Amino acid sequence: MRLGEIMAVLLAAGQSRRMQSGINKQYLYLGAKPVLYHSLATLLDIHEISGVVVVIAAGEEDLCRQEVLKPFGFETKVKVVFGGALRQDSVFCGLAALPFSTELVVIHDGARPLVRSVDVLNSLAAAREYGAATVGLPVQDTIKVVDTVGMVVETPLREQLWSVQTPQAFTFQLLMQAHRQALASGFRGTDDASLVERLGYPVKIVPGTYSNIKVTTPEDLVVARELLRVKELKGNC
């Protein structure tokens, strides 16, 4: 493999407790295809990305193969690995499966099926320049900081608040360093950017889109289906 490769880690190992469907949400249907298909197809269509590692839950290899990989010809195009107990563990499992020639890596949640290729490319461009980047949106609601008994402590300036999404992109060595240090100290972050921030490295925010929702609940799936319908009417950009 050539030096300076760009790789992608696609996370699909969640337990989907809030979906209450009896099946991992990645394999529920969004339009005529499983949820996981949509983000995987987007990543595979980006020619700058050399390879994709899909991180799935242990015991779901056959399900993933039969529902997503085999029907759409993805079997030879991706590497499948098992994830861990938490999202952070699953990301590390995906990173460990990447080649040493990796220069940049993009992390994306399979539960965000409507990601646009332009958002992936913009995050990668920012990561190449700054070392770390995440897609996000300015917060529209007023946010309150609340203490343990439910009393408002502070109202931060809305202009400084962003809602973070994926994709998130990093130089490979920086993200590996961040994960290893977090593992050694027992630190648990809510996303990969927080692990890098902990090292004192800046993370660039890349403006995303409101359609890049995370499918977590049955209501989210209803919204995603309508967004997909609109996207198909307009054409994928």
Protein backbone atom coordinates (compact mmCIF):
# COMPACT_ATOMS: atom_id res chain seq x y z
CA MET A 1 0.00 0.00 0.00
CA ARG A 2 1.19 3.52 -0.78
CA LEU A 3 2.18 5.95 1.94
CA GLY A 4 -0.25 8.62 3.03
CA GLU A 5 -3.43 6.62 2.71
CA ILE A 6 -6.79 7.93 3.87
CA MET A 7 -8.86 5.32 5.68
CA ALA A 8 -12.33 5.27 7.19
CA VAL A 9 -13.68 3.58 10.32
CA LEU A 10 -17.45 3.06 10.25
CA LEU A 11 -19.02 2.25 13.61
CA ALA A 12 -21.91 -0.22 13.72
CA ALA A 13 -21.44 -1.99 17.04
CA GLY A 14 -24.02 -0.18 19.16
CA GLN A 15 -26.65 -2.09 21.14
CA SER A 16 -29.61 0.04 19.94
CA ARG A 17 -31.43 -0.08 23.29
CA ARG A 18 -33.49 3.05 22.58
CA MET A 19 -34.69 1.75 19.25
CA GLN A 20 -36.57 -1.11 20.99
CA SER A 21 -36.71 -3.08 17.75
CA GLY A 22 -35.14 -6.40 18.78
CA ILE A 23 -32.49 -5.90 16.10
CA ASN A 24 -29.49 -3.60 15.79
CA LYS A 25 -30.71 -0.35 14.20
CA GLN A 26 -27.98 -0.65 11.57
CA TYR A 27 -30.01 -3.42 9.91
CA LEU A 28 -33.40 -1.76 10.02
CA TYR A 29 -34.54 -0.54 6.64
CA LEU A 30 -34.26 3.07 5.57
CA GLY A 31 -35.94 3.23 2.21
CA ALA A 32 -35.21 0.00 0.36
CA LYS A 33 -31.86 -0.59 2.07
CA PRO A 34 -30.53 -1.14 5.62
CA VAL A 35 -29.44 1.90 7.62
CA LEU A 36 -25.80 0.80 7.52
CA TYR A 37 -25.82 0.54 3.73
CA HIS A 38 -26.25 4.28 3.22
CA SER A 39 -23.18 5.59 5.06
CA LEU A 40 -21.06 2.67 3.87
CA ALA A 41 -21.97 3.33 0.24
CA THR A 42 -21.13 7.02 0.66
CA LEU A 43 -17.68 6.25 2.06
CA LEU A 44 -16.92 3.66 -0.62
CA ASP A 45 -17.86 6.13 -3.36
CA ILE A 46 -15.22 8.64 -2.21
CA HIS A 47 -12.16 7.81 -4.30
CA GLU A 48 -9.81 9.64 -1.91
CA ILE A 49 -10.56 6.97 0.72
CA SER A 50 -8.38 3.88 0.25
CA GLY A 51 -10.32 1.52 2.49
CA VAL A 52 -13.12 1.18 5.03
CA VAL A 53 -13.12 -0.79 8.27
CA VAL A 54 -16.60 -1.59 9.55
CA VAL A 55 -16.80 -2.22 13.30
CA ILE A 56 -19.72 -4.47 14.25
CA ALA A 57 -20.99 -6.13 17.40
CA ALA A 58 -19.68 -9.59 18.20
CA GLY A 59 -22.09 -12.21 16.94
CA GLU A 60 -23.47 -10.05 14.12
CA GLU A 61 -20.99 -11.01 11.42
CA ASP A 62 -23.46 -13.23 9.55
CA LEU A 63 -26.20 -10.61 9.88
CA CYS A 64 -23.93 -7.90 8.51
CA ARG A 65 -22.80 -10.09 5.63
CA GLN A 66 -26.27 -11.26 4.66
CA GLU A 67 -28.06 -7.92 5.04
CA VAL A 68 -25.44 -5.41 3.89
CA LEU A 69 -22.19 -6.76 2.47
CA LYS A 70 -23.29 -9.60 0.19
CA PRO A 71 -26.47 -8.08 -1.36
CA PHE A 72 -24.66 -4.91 -2.44
CA GLY A 73 -21.29 -6.33 -3.43
CA PHE A 74 -19.37 -4.93 -0.47
CA GLU A 75 -17.79 -8.19 0.75
CA THR A 76 -14.42 -7.62 -0.91
CA LYS A 77 -14.41 -3.85 -0.41
CA VAL A 78 -14.39 -3.60 3.39
CA LYS A 79 -12.71 -5.15 6.39
CA VAL A 80 -14.98 -6.19 9.24
CA VAL A 81 -13.82 -6.25 12.88
CA PHE A 82 -15.61 -6.69 16.18
CA GLY A 83 -16.08 -3.75 18.52
CA GLY A 84 -15.89 -3.41 22.28
CA ALA A 85 -18.21 -2.64 25.16
CA LEU A 86 -18.29 1.12 24.54
CA ARG A 87 -18.02 3.34 21.47
CA GLN A 88 -14.49 4.39 22.41
CA ASP A 89 -13.42 0.74 22.57
CA SER A 90 -14.96 0.09 19.16
CA VAL A 91 -13.11 3.00 17.58
CA PHE A 92 -9.83 1.69 18.96
CA CYS A 93 -10.59 -1.76 17.52
CA GLY A 94 -11.13 -0.11 14.15
CA LEU A 95 -7.94 1.93 14.39
CA ALA A 96 -5.94 -1.17 15.28
CA ALA A 97 -7.07 -2.76 12.00
CA LEU A 98 -5.74 0.07 9.82
CA PRO A 99 -2.47 -0.22 7.87
CA PHE A 100 0.66 1.54 9.14
CA SER A 101 0.64 3.56 5.91
CA THR A 102 -2.48 5.44 7.05
CA GLU A 103 -2.00 9.20 7.16
CA LEU A 104 -5.54 10.42 7.77
CA VAL A 105 -8.53 8.60 9.24
CA VAL A 106 -12.18 9.56 9.23
CA ILE A 107 -14.48 8.19 11.93
CA HIS A 108 -18.19 7.99 11.19
CA ASP A 109 -21.23 6.59 12.99
CA GLY A 110 -23.17 4.09 10.90
CA ALA A 111 -26.27 5.43 12.64
CA ARG A 112 -25.86 8.67 10.64
CA PRO A 113 -26.94 7.25 7.27
CA LEU A 114 -27.57 10.54 5.48
CA VAL A 115 -24.01 11.88 5.63
CA ARG A 116 -22.93 13.71 2.49
CA SER A 117 -19.65 12.99 0.74
CA VAL A 118 -18.85 16.70 0.80
CA ASP A 119 -18.95 16.67 4.62
CA VAL A 120 -16.51 13.75 4.70
CA LEU A 121 -14.16 15.52 2.29
CA ASN A 122 -14.38 18.82 4.16
CA SER A 123 -13.54 17.14 7.46
CA LEU A 124 -10.56 15.39 5.85
CA ALA A 125 -9.30 18.64 4.35
CA ALA A 126 -9.52 20.34 7.74
CA ALA A 127 -7.76 17.42 9.43
CA ARG A 128 -4.93 17.64 6.93
CA GLU A 129 -4.51 21.33 7.78
CA TYR A 130 -5.18 21.32 11.53
CA GLY A 131 -4.63 17.69 12.58
CA ALA A 132 -8.17 17.19 13.89
CA ALA A 133 -11.64 18.18 12.73
CA THR A 134 -15.27 17.45 13.41
CA VAL A 135 -18.48 18.24 11.59
CA GLY A 136 -20.99 20.18 13.66
CA LEU A 137 -23.80 22.72 13.71
CA PRO A 138 -24.35 25.94 15.68
CA VAL A 139 -26.77 25.36 18.56
CA GLN A 140 -30.17 27.00 17.97
CA ASP A 141 -31.66 26.53 21.43
CA THR A 142 -30.61 28.25 24.63
CA ILE A 143 -28.52 25.84 26.71
CA LYS A 144 -28.53 25.69 30.51
CA VAL A 145 -25.88 24.17 32.76
CA VAL A 146 -27.73 22.36 35.57
CA ASP A 147 -26.45 21.00 38.89
CA THR A 148 -27.22 17.59 40.42
CA VAL A 149 -30.48 18.77 42.00
CA GLY A 150 -31.85 20.30 38.81
CA MET A 151 -31.03 23.96 39.45
CA VAL A 152 -29.65 26.18 36.69
CA VAL A 153 -26.03 27.10 37.33
CA GLU A 154 -25.12 28.93 34.16
CA THR A 155 -26.39 29.96 30.73
CA PRO A 156 -23.43 29.80 28.33
CA LEU A 157 -23.32 32.05 25.30
CA ARG A 158 -25.20 30.32 22.50
CA GLU A 159 -22.85 31.86 19.92
CA GLN A 160 -20.03 29.73 21.31
CA LEU A 161 -21.95 26.43 21.34
CA TRP A 162 -21.98 23.83 18.57
CA SER A 163 -23.71 20.47 18.32
CA VAL A 164 -21.13 17.93 17.22
CA GLN A 165 -21.77 15.22 14.65
CA THR A 166 -19.66 12.79 12.68
CA PRO A 167 -17.66 12.47 10.48
CA GLN A 168 -14.64 13.39 12.55
CA ALA A 169 -11.22 13.26 10.89
CA PHE A 170 -7.69 13.17 12.27
CA THR A 171 -4.11 12.46 11.44
CA PHE A 172 -3.77 8.78 12.22
CA GLN A 173 -0.83 9.11 14.60
CA LEU A 174 -2.54 11.84 16.63
CA LEU A 175 -5.74 9.86 17.07
CA MET A 176 -3.84 6.71 18.02
CA GLN A 177 -1.87 8.70 20.60
CA ALA A 178 -5.08 10.16 22.00
CA HIS A 179 -6.72 6.74 22.30
CA ARG A 180 -3.68 5.11 23.89
CA GLN A 181 -3.35 7.84 26.50
CA ALA A 182 -7.07 7.69 27.26
CA LEU A 183 -6.84 3.91 27.64
CA ALA A 184 -3.81 4.17 29.94
CA SER A 185 -5.50 6.71 32.21
CA GLY A 186 -8.99 5.22 32.14
CA PHE A 187 -10.46 8.36 30.55
CA ARG A 188 -13.78 7.97 28.72
CA GLY A 189 -14.76 10.62 26.21
CA THR A 190 -18.07 11.08 24.43
CA ASP A 191 -16.37 11.36 21.04
CA ASP A 192 -12.94 11.07 19.48
CA ALA A 193 -12.43 14.83 19.34
CA SER A 194 -12.64 14.98 23.14
CA LEU A 195 -9.72 12.56 23.41
CA VAL A 196 -7.61 14.77 21.16
CA GLU A 197 -8.68 17.92 23.03
CA ARG A 198 -7.46 16.26 26.23
CA LEU A 199 -3.96 16.20 24.76
CA GLY A 200 -4.11 19.94 24.25
CA TYR A 201 -4.53 19.80 20.46
CA PRO A 202 -7.00 22.13 18.73
CA VAL A 203 -9.95 20.64 16.85
CA LYS A 204 -11.40 22.48 13.86
CA ILE A 205 -15.19 22.68 13.52
CA VAL A 206 -16.49 22.08 10.00
CA PRO A 207 -20.08 23.26 9.36
CA GLY A 208 -22.32 20.30 8.56
CA THR A 209 -25.97 19.81 7.63
CA TYR A 210 -29.15 19.33 9.64
CA SER A 211 -30.06 16.25 7.59
CA ASN A 212 -27.07 14.36 9.02
CA ILE A 213 -29.16 13.10 11.93
CA LYS A 214 -28.31 10.19 14.20
CA VAL A 215 -30.89 7.42 14.10
CA THR A 216 -31.38 6.45 17.74
CA THR A 217 -35.12 6.15 18.35
CA PRO A 218 -38.09 4.98 16.25
CA GLU A 219 -39.01 8.64 15.75
CA ASP A 220 -35.55 9.33 14.31
CA LEU A 221 -36.08 6.57 11.77
CA VAL A 222 -39.35 8.16 10.65
CA VAL A 223 -37.60 11.51 10.19
CA ALA A 224 -34.68 9.88 8.35
CA ARG A 225 -37.06 8.18 5.93
CA GLU A 226 -38.63 11.51 5.02
CA LEU A 227 -35.21 13.18 4.68
CA LEU A 228 -34.08 10.34 2.42
CA ARG A 229 -37.19 10.74 0.29
CA VAL A 230 -36.47 14.45 -0.15
CA LYS A 231 -32.81 13.74 -0.86
CA GLU A 232 -33.71 11.24 -3.58
CA LEU A 233 -36.11 13.73 -5.16
CA LYS A 234 -33.43 16.43 -5.26
CA GLY A 235 -30.57 14.11 -6.19
CA ASN A 236 -27.56 13.26 -4.04
CA CYS A 237 -25.06 16.10 -3.82
